[in-house]
C-alpha atoms as a PDB file:
ATOM      1  CA  PRO A   1      15.317  12.992   3.786  1.00  0.00           C
ATOM      2  CA  GLU A   2      17.371  14.986   1.250  1.00  0.00           C
ATOM      3  CA  ARG A   3      14.304  16.898  -0.039  1.00  0.00           C
ATOM      4  CA  GLY A   4      13.803  20.551   0.878  1.00  0.00           C
ATOM      5  CA  PRO A   5      10.756  21.947   2.740  1.00  0.00           C
ATOM      6  CA  GLY A   6       8.972  23.016  -0.459  1.00  0.00           C
ATOM      7  CA  GLU A   7       9.484  19.633  -2.087  1.00  0.00           C
ATOM      8  CA  ILE A   8       8.299  17.834   1.042  1.00  0.00           C
ATOM      9  CA  GLU A   9       5.159  19.995   1.161  1.00  0.00           C
ATOM     10  CA  ALA A  10       4.402  19.091  -2.467  1.00  0.00           C
ATOM     11  CA  LEU A  11       4.994  15.414  -1.674  1.00  0.00           C
ATOM     12  CA  LEU A  12       2.582  15.616   1.261  1.00  0.00           C
ATOM     13  CA  ARG A  13      -0.136  16.944  -1.032  1.00  0.00           C
ATOM     14  CA  ALA A  14       0.550  14.102  -3.458  1.00  0.00           C
ATOM     15  CA  VAL A  15       0.454  11.530  -0.633  1.00  0.00           C
ATOM     16  CA  TRP A  16      -2.931  12.740   0.612  1.00  0.00           C
ATOM     17  CA  GLY A  17      -4.227  12.937  -2.961  1.00  0.00           C
ATOM     18  CA  ASN A  18      -3.280   9.291  -3.479  1.00  0.00           C
ATOM     19  CA  MET A  19      -4.914   8.357  -0.171  1.00  0.00           C
ATOM     20  CA  GLY A  20      -8.126  10.073  -1.275  1.00  0.00           C
ATOM     21  CA  THR A  21      -8.054   8.061  -4.492  1.00  0.00           C
ATOM     22  CA  VAL A  22      -7.563   4.811  -2.556  1.00  0.00           C
ATOM     23  CA  LEU A  23     -10.603   5.634  -0.400  1.00  0.00           C
ATOM     24  CA  ALA A  24     -12.691   6.579  -3.444  1.00  0.00           C
ATOM     25  CA  GLU A  25     -11.875   3.219  -5.040  1.00  0.00           C
ATOM     26  CA  TYR A  26     -13.016   1.138  -2.055  1.00  0.00           C
ATOM     27  CA  PRO A  27     -16.607   0.712  -3.340  1.00  0.00           C
ATOM     28  CA  HIS A  28     -15.181  -0.454  -6.689  1.00  0.00           C
ATOM     29  CA  LEU A  29     -12.646  -3.020  -5.432  1.00  0.00           C
ATOM     30  CA  ALA A  30     -14.689  -5.953  -6.729  1.00  0.00           C
ATOM     31  CA  THR A  31     -14.700  -4.439 -10.237  1.00  0.00           C
ATOM     32  CA  ILE A  32     -11.037  -3.430 -10.160  1.00  0.00           C
ATOM     33  CA  CYS A  33      -9.873  -6.822  -8.862  1.00  0.00           C
ATOM     34  CA  ARG A  34     -12.082  -9.009 -11.043  1.00  0.00           C
ATOM     35  CA  PRO A  35      -9.866 -11.240 -13.242  1.00  0.00           C
ATOM     36  CA  GLY A  36      -9.973 -10.030 -16.823  1.00  0.00           C
ATOM     37  CA  SER A  37     -11.329  -6.606 -15.854  1.00  0.00           C
ATOM     38  CA  GLY A  38      -8.430  -4.806 -17.536  1.00  0.00           C
ATOM     39  CA  HIS A  39      -7.706  -2.830 -14.367  1.00  0.00           C
ATOM     40  CA  LEU A  40      -4.753  -4.967 -13.269  1.00  0.00           C
ATOM     41  CA  GLU A  41      -1.519  -5.867 -15.016  1.00  0.00           C
ATOM     42  CA  VAL A  42       0.066  -8.799 -13.188  1.00  0.00           C
ATOM     43  CA  VAL A  43       3.770  -9.695 -13.523  1.00  0.00           C
ATOM     44  CA  ALA A  44       4.327 -12.910 -11.590  1.00  0.00           C
ATOM     45  CA  ASP A  45       6.721 -15.278 -13.368  1.00  0.00           C
ATOM     46  CA  GLY A  46       9.007 -15.447 -10.317  1.00  0.00           C
ATOM     47  CA  PRO A  47       6.357 -16.631  -7.811  1.00  0.00           C
ATOM     48  CA  LEU A  48       5.008 -19.228 -10.230  1.00  0.00           C
ATOM     49  CA  GLU A  49       8.513 -20.644 -10.728  1.00  0.00           C
ATOM     50  CA  ALA A  50       9.062 -20.641  -6.956  1.00  0.00           C
ATOM     51  CA  MET A  51       5.804 -22.539  -6.440  1.00  0.00           C
ATOM     52  CA  ARG A  52       6.897 -25.185  -8.912  1.00  0.00           C
ATOM     53  CA  ALA A  53      10.289 -25.448  -7.163  1.00  0.00           C
ATOM     54  CA  THR A  54       9.073 -25.577  -3.547  1.00  0.00           C
ATOM     55  CA  GLY A  55       5.587 -27.013  -3.953  1.00  0.00           C
ATOM     56  CA  ARG A  56       4.219 -24.195  -1.775  1.00  0.00           C
ATOM     57  CA  PRO A  57       2.801 -20.724  -2.534  1.00  0.00           C
ATOM     58  CA  PRO A  58       5.121 -17.868  -1.490  1.00  0.00           C
ATOM     59  CA  VAL A  59       4.996 -15.381   1.349  1.00  0.00           C
ATOM     60  CA  PHE A  60       4.438 -11.873  -0.049  1.00  0.00           C
ATOM     61  CA  VAL A  61       5.378  -8.641   1.743  1.00  0.00           C
ATOM     62  CA  GLY A  62       4.204  -5.240   0.570  1.00  0.00           C
ATOM     63  CA  GLY A  63       4.121  -1.612   1.588  1.00  0.00           C
ATOM     64  CA  HIS A  64       1.541   1.168   1.563  1.00  0.00           C
ATOM     65  CA  LEU A  65       2.295   1.957  -2.084  1.00  0.00           C
ATOM     66  CA  GLY A  66      -0.130   2.838  -4.876  1.00  0.00           C
ATOM     67  CA  SER A  67      -3.264   1.096  -3.652  1.00  0.00           C
ATOM     68  CA  TRP A  68      -2.056  -1.637  -1.332  1.00  0.00           C
ATOM     69  CA  GLU A  69      -5.625  -2.912  -1.140  1.00  0.00           C
ATOM     70  CA  VAL A  70      -5.479  -4.397  -4.651  1.00  0.00           C
ATOM     71  CA  GLY A  71      -2.168  -6.227  -4.132  1.00  0.00           C
ATOM     72  CA  PRO A  72      -3.709  -9.589  -3.114  1.00  0.00           C
ATOM     73  CA  ALA A  73      -5.637  -9.643  -6.395  1.00  0.00           C
ATOM     74  CA  GLY A  74      -2.371 -10.578  -8.120  1.00  0.00           C
ATOM     75  CA  PRO A  75      -2.162 -14.148  -6.765  1.00  0.00           C
ATOM     76  CA  VAL A  76      -5.969 -14.507  -6.942  1.00  0.00           C
ATOM     77  CA  SER A  77      -5.915 -13.678 -10.662  1.00  0.00           C
ATOM     78  CA  LEU A  78      -3.456 -16.561 -11.149  1.00  0.00           C
ATOM     79  CA  GLY A  79      -5.663 -18.996  -9.258  1.00  0.00           C
ATOM     80  CA  VAL A  80      -3.543 -18.923  -6.107  1.00  0.00           C
ATOM     81  CA  PRO A  81      -5.547 -18.419  -2.870  1.00  0.00           C
ATOM     82  CA  ILE A  82      -4.018 -15.909  -0.473  1.00  0.00           C
ATOM     83  CA  ALA A  83      -4.564 -15.087   3.202  1.00  0.00           C
ATOM     84  CA  VAL A  84      -3.819 -11.495   4.160  1.00  0.00           C
ATOM     85  CA  VAL A  85      -3.244  -9.985   7.593  1.00  0.00           C
ATOM     86  CA  TYR A  86      -5.134  -6.758   8.310  1.00  0.00           C
ATOM     87  CA  GLN A  87      -5.562  -4.399  11.260  1.00  0.00           C
ATOM     88  CA  PRO A  88      -9.254  -4.222  12.301  1.00  0.00           C
ATOM     89  CA  LEU A  89     -10.695  -0.760  12.922  1.00  0.00           C
ATOM     90  CA  GLU A  90     -11.732   0.090  16.469  1.00  0.00           C
ATOM     91  CA  ASN A  91     -15.209   1.039  15.237  1.00  0.00           C
ATOM     92  CA  PRO A  92     -16.915  -2.345  14.640  1.00  0.00           C
ATOM     93  CA  TYR A  93     -19.457  -0.890  12.187  1.00  0.00           C
ATOM     94  CA  LEU A  94     -16.779   0.705   9.992  1.00  0.00           C
ATOM     95  CA  ASP A  95     -14.689  -2.443  10.276  1.00  0.00           C
ATOM     96  CA  ALA A  96     -17.592  -4.597   9.070  1.00  0.00           C
ATOM     97  CA  ARG A  97     -18.188  -2.197   6.169  1.00  0.00           C
ATOM     98  CA  LEU A  98     -14.526  -2.301   5.115  1.00  0.00           C
ATOM     99  CA  ARG A  99     -14.466  -6.090   5.347  1.00  0.00           C
ATOM    100  CA  ALA A 100     -17.509  -6.249   3.081  1.00  0.00           C
ATOM    101  CA  LEU A 101     -15.818  -4.008   0.512  1.00  0.00           C
ATOM    102  CA  ARG A 102     -12.545  -5.945   0.744  1.00  0.00           C
ATOM    103  CA  ALA A 103     -14.419  -9.189   0.058  1.00  0.00           C
ATOM    104  CA  GLY A 104     -14.376  -8.131  -3.581  1.00  0.00           C
ATOM    105  CA  ILE A 105     -10.608  -8.672  -3.679  1.00  0.00           C
ATOM    106  CA  GLY A 106     -11.121 -12.423  -3.277  1.00  0.00           C
ATOM    107  CA  CYS A 107      -8.635 -13.034  -0.471  1.00  0.00           C
ATOM    108  CA  THR A 108      -9.007 -14.373   3.075  1.00  0.00           C
ATOM    109  CA  LEU A 109      -8.631 -11.673   5.749  1.00  0.00           C
ATOM    110  CA  LEU A 110      -7.042 -12.518   9.109  1.00  0.00           C
ATOM    111  CA  PRO A 111      -7.031 -10.020  12.026  1.00  0.00           C
ATOM    112  CA  ARG A 112      -3.489  -9.063  13.016  1.00  0.00           C
ATOM    113  CA  ASP A 113      -3.785  -9.834  16.720  1.00  0.00           C
ATOM    114  CA  SER A 114      -4.776 -13.476  16.214  1.00  0.00           C
ATOM    115  CA  SER A 115      -3.116 -14.213  12.911  1.00  0.00           C
ATOM    116  CA  ALA A 116       0.025 -16.271  13.649  1.00  0.00           C
ATOM    117  CA  ARG A 117      -1.604 -19.666  14.097  1.00  0.00           C
ATOM    118  CA  GLU A 118      -4.215 -18.997  11.413  1.00  0.00           C
ATOM    119  CA  LEU A 119      -1.502 -17.933   8.962  1.00  0.00           C
ATOM    120  CA  LEU A 120       0.408 -21.162   9.449  1.00  0.00           C
ATOM    121  CA  ARG A 121      -2.794 -23.141   9.048  1.00  0.00           C
ATOM    122  CA  ALA A 122      -3.622 -21.277   5.827  1.00  0.00           C
ATOM    123  CA  ALA A 123      -0.096 -21.736   4.455  1.00  0.00           C
ATOM    124  CA  LYS A 124      -0.169 -25.468   5.129  1.00  0.00           C
ATOM    125  CA  ALA A 125      -3.547 -25.627   3.362  1.00  0.00           C
ATOM    126  CA  GLY A 126      -1.995 -24.192   0.192  1.00  0.00           C
ATOM    127  CA  CYS A 127      -2.567 -20.440   0.565  1.00  0.00           C
ATOM    128  CA  ALA A 128      -0.053 -17.755  -0.231  1.00  0.00           C
ATOM    129  CA  ILE A 129       0.492 -15.304   2.639  1.00  0.00           C
ATOM    130  CA  GLY A 130       0.360 -11.509   2.355  1.00  0.00           C
ATOM    131  CA  LEU A 131       1.605  -8.956   4.880  1.00  0.00           C
ATOM    132  CA  ILE A 132       2.110  -5.177   4.834  1.00  0.00           C
ATOM    133  CA  VAL A 133       5.401  -4.508   6.615  1.00  0.00           C
ATOM    134  CA  ASP A 134       6.596  -0.958   5.904  1.00  0.00           C
ATOM    135  CA  HIS A 135       5.373   0.378   9.258  1.00  0.00           C
ATOM    136  CA  ARG A 136       7.307   0.387  12.527  1.00  0.00           C
ATOM    137  CA  ASP A 137       6.967  -2.793  14.556  1.00  0.00           C
ATOM    138  CA  ASP A 138       7.745  -2.236  18.231  1.00  0.00           C
ATOM    139  CA  ASP A 139       8.643  -5.927  18.544  1.00  0.00           C
ATOM    140  CA  GLY A 140      10.927  -5.808  15.508  1.00  0.00           C
ATOM    141  CA  VAL A 141      14.672  -5.400  15.084  1.00  0.00           C
ATOM    142  CA  PRO A 142      16.394  -2.173  13.954  1.00  0.00           C
ATOM    143  CA  LEU A 143      17.231  -2.375  10.228  1.00  0.00           C
ATOM    144  CA  PRO A 144      18.293   0.429   7.854  1.00  0.00           C
ATOM    145  CA  PHE A 145      15.578   2.468   6.147  1.00  0.00           C
ATOM    146  CA  PHE A 146      16.258   5.892   4.589  1.00  0.00           C
ATOM    147  CA  GLY A 147      19.404   6.325   6.666  1.00  0.00           C
ATOM    148  CA  HIS A 148      17.740   5.431   9.976  1.00  0.00           C
ATOM    149  CA  ASP A 149      17.187   2.227  11.894  1.00  0.00           C
ATOM    150  CA  LYS A 150      13.529   1.218  11.594  1.00  0.00           C
ATOM    151  CA  LEU A 151      12.069  -1.406  13.917  1.00  0.00           C
ATOM    152  CA  THR A 152      11.264  -4.067  11.328  1.00  0.00           C
ATOM    153  CA  THR A 153       9.319  -7.281  11.745  1.00  0.00           C
ATOM    154  CA  LEU A 154      11.134 -10.521  10.901  1.00  0.00           C
ATOM    155  CA  ALA A 155       7.895 -12.537  10.872  1.00  0.00           C
ATOM    156  CA  PRO A 156       7.547 -12.909   7.062  1.00  0.00           C
ATOM    157  CA  ALA A 157      11.099 -14.187   6.628  1.00  0.00           C
ATOM    158  CA  ARG A 158      10.785 -16.479   9.639  1.00  0.00           C
ATOM    159  CA  MET A 159       7.601 -17.929   8.193  1.00  0.00           C
ATOM    160  CA  ALA A 160       9.117 -18.482   4.750  1.00  0.00           C
ATOM    161  CA  LEU A 161      12.124 -20.225   6.291  1.00  0.00           C
ATOM    162  CA  ARG A 162       9.962 -22.347   8.568  1.00  0.00           C
ATOM    163  CA  LEU A 163       7.649 -23.429   5.748  1.00  0.00           C
ATOM    164  CA  GLY A 164      10.413 -23.947   3.205  1.00  0.00           C
ATOM    165  CA  THR A 165       8.809 -21.539   0.763  1.00  0.00           C
ATOM    166  CA  ALA A 166       9.931 -18.374  -1.033  1.00  0.00           C
ATOM    167  CA  LEU A 167       9.691 -14.760   0.148  1.00  0.00           C
ATOM    168  CA  PHE A 168       8.754 -12.090  -2.406  1.00  0.00           C
ATOM    169  CA  ALA A 169       8.369  -8.323  -2.138  1.00  0.00           C
ATOM    170  CA  ALA A 170       5.152  -7.226  -3.868  1.00  0.00           C
ATOM    171  CA  ARG A 171       4.877  -3.862  -5.597  1.00  0.00           C
ATOM    172  CA  VAL A 172       1.700  -1.991  -6.567  1.00  0.00           C
ATOM    173  CA  GLU A 173       2.119   0.845  -9.094  1.00  0.00           C
ATOM    174  CA  ARG A 174      -0.661   3.134 -10.286  1.00  0.00           C
ATOM    175  CA  ILE A 175      -0.501   3.280 -14.099  1.00  0.00           C
ATOM    176  CA  GLY A 176      -3.782   5.080 -14.783  1.00  0.00           C
ATOM    177  CA  PRO A 177      -7.238   5.825 -13.334  1.00  0.00           C
ATOM    178  CA  ALA A 178      -8.142   2.697 -11.330  1.00  0.00           C
ATOM    179  CA  ARG A 179      -5.403   0.799 -13.202  1.00  0.00           C
ATOM    180  CA  TYR A 180      -2.452  -0.881 -11.521  1.00  0.00           C
ATOM    181  CA  ARG A 181       0.629  -2.933 -12.223  1.00  0.00           C
ATOM    182  CA  LEU A 182       1.209  -5.708  -9.668  1.00  0.00           C
ATOM    183  CA  SER A 183       4.681  -7.234  -9.646  1.00  0.00           C
ATOM    184  CA  ALA A 184       6.648  -9.546  -7.363  1.00  0.00           C
ATOM    185  CA  HIS A 185      10.383  -9.206  -6.786  1.00  0.00           C
ATOM    186  CA  GLY A 186      12.534 -12.041  -5.524  1.00  0.00           C
ATOM    187  CA  PRO A 187      12.844 -14.576  -4.232  1.00  0.00           C
ATOM    188  CA  ILE A 188      14.450 -12.735  -1.323  1.00  0.00           C
ATOM    189  CA  LEU A 189      17.288 -14.954  -0.106  1.00  0.00           C
ATOM    190  CA  PRO A 190      19.666 -14.697   2.887  1.00  0.00           C
ATOM    191  CA  ASP A 191      23.288 -13.817   2.228  1.00  0.00           C
ATOM    192  CA  THR A 192      24.502 -16.699   4.383  1.00  0.00           C
ATOM    193  CA  PRO A 193      22.079 -19.642   4.043  1.00  0.00           C
ATOM    194  CA  ASP A 194      24.039 -21.664   6.594  1.00  0.00           C
ATOM    195  CA  ALA A 195      23.585 -19.004   9.302  1.00  0.00           C
ATOM    196  CA  ALA A 196      21.159 -19.356  12.195  1.00  0.00           C
ATOM    197  CA  PRO A 197      17.517 -18.902  11.079  1.00  0.00           C
ATOM    198  CA  GLU A 198      17.177 -15.611  12.977  1.00  0.00           C
ATOM    199  CA  ARG A 199      20.244 -14.212  11.226  1.00  0.00           C
ATOM    200  CA  GLN A 200      18.910 -15.373   7.851  1.00  0.00           C
ATOM    201  CA  ALA A 201      15.558 -13.694   8.557  1.00  0.00           C
ATOM    202  CA  GLU A 202      17.323 -10.433   9.434  1.00  0.00           C
ATOM    203  CA  GLN A 203      19.315 -10.510   6.196  1.00  0.00           C
ATOM    204  CA  MET A 204      16.159 -11.136   4.169  1.00  0.00           C
ATOM    205  CA  MET A 205      14.172  -8.300   5.747  1.00  0.00           C
ATOM    206  CA  ARG A 206      17.126  -5.954   5.319  1.00  0.00           C
ATOM    207  CA  LYS A 207      16.790  -6.590   1.563  1.00  0.00           C
ATOM    208  CA  VAL A 208      13.029  -5.990   1.754  1.00  0.00           C
ATOM    209  CA  ASN A 209      13.602  -2.583   3.378  1.00  0.00           C
ATOM    210  CA  ALA A 210      16.111  -1.708   0.635  1.00  0.00           C
ATOM    211  CA  LEU A 211      13.546  -2.582  -2.065  1.00  0.00           C
ATOM    212  CA  PHE A 212      10.857  -0.509  -0.362  1.00  0.00           C
ATOM    213  CA  GLU A 213      13.224   2.441  -0.137  1.00  0.00           C
ATOM    214  CA  GLN A 214      14.063   2.140  -3.844  1.00  0.00           C
ATOM    215  CA  TRP A 215      10.386   2.029  -4.850  1.00  0.00           C
ATOM    216  CA  ILE A 216       9.443   4.935  -2.590  1.00  0.00           C
ATOM    217  CA  ARG A 217      12.227   7.096  -4.028  1.00  0.00           C
ATOM    218  CA  GLU A 218      10.885   6.371  -7.529  1.00  0.00           C
ATOM    219  CA  ARG A 219       7.286   7.290  -6.620  1.00  0.00           C
ATOM    220  CA  PRO A 220       7.290   9.088  -3.259  1.00  0.00           C
ATOM    221  CA  GLY A 221       3.832  10.615  -3.780  1.00  0.00           C
ATOM    222  CA  GLU A 222       2.250   7.135  -3.868  1.00  0.00           C
ATOM    223  CA  TRP A 223       3.541   6.068  -0.443  1.00  0.00           C
ATOM    224  CA  LEU A 224       1.328   6.531   2.610  1.00  0.00           C
ATOM    225  CA  CYS A 225       4.113   7.176   5.080  1.00  0.00           C
END
């Protein structure tokens, strides 16, 4: 928000350039995400330690940064299955095509509108959970984001608390042509662990928003806002 009109115009060009790159990489997702391909650098000591401590894979939350499509390949490369929520396209033919391309990532895809029960079932079966949560959620609560209150979902934090597992914020950084660094930050913990679960969830997602804001400020041209 502190950038001038010229800077914002340059950022917009960078944002759309990154989006074009993401689209161009869709047909190559299977190659990019293949373990040992050299396209992904995975930093995941924290989630592995959390899994050993809790006995359950974590809940991961990410934003539309770098190429968010390759994010689930991080857990997959470590042998951890992951179920990811996605928004189906209205055009069923395009949606089927995108699902076929995303199959190369190696994750389970769950449609957003019918995902709650399936997510819990997947988590109890030993899957990590992945959600993109940097967009406005009309059913969310207002939490700070770039100096404004953004309607933010509490669902990831609620799920982590309910399952007794850890919540991590996942970051995707572009480090070269079709090359990415995938890292997980956390665990994200409530400030007052003896508070009511809803209050704990709000505190956790407030921290997630702060991390997203930090990452976006570092690489604003890689965020699809």
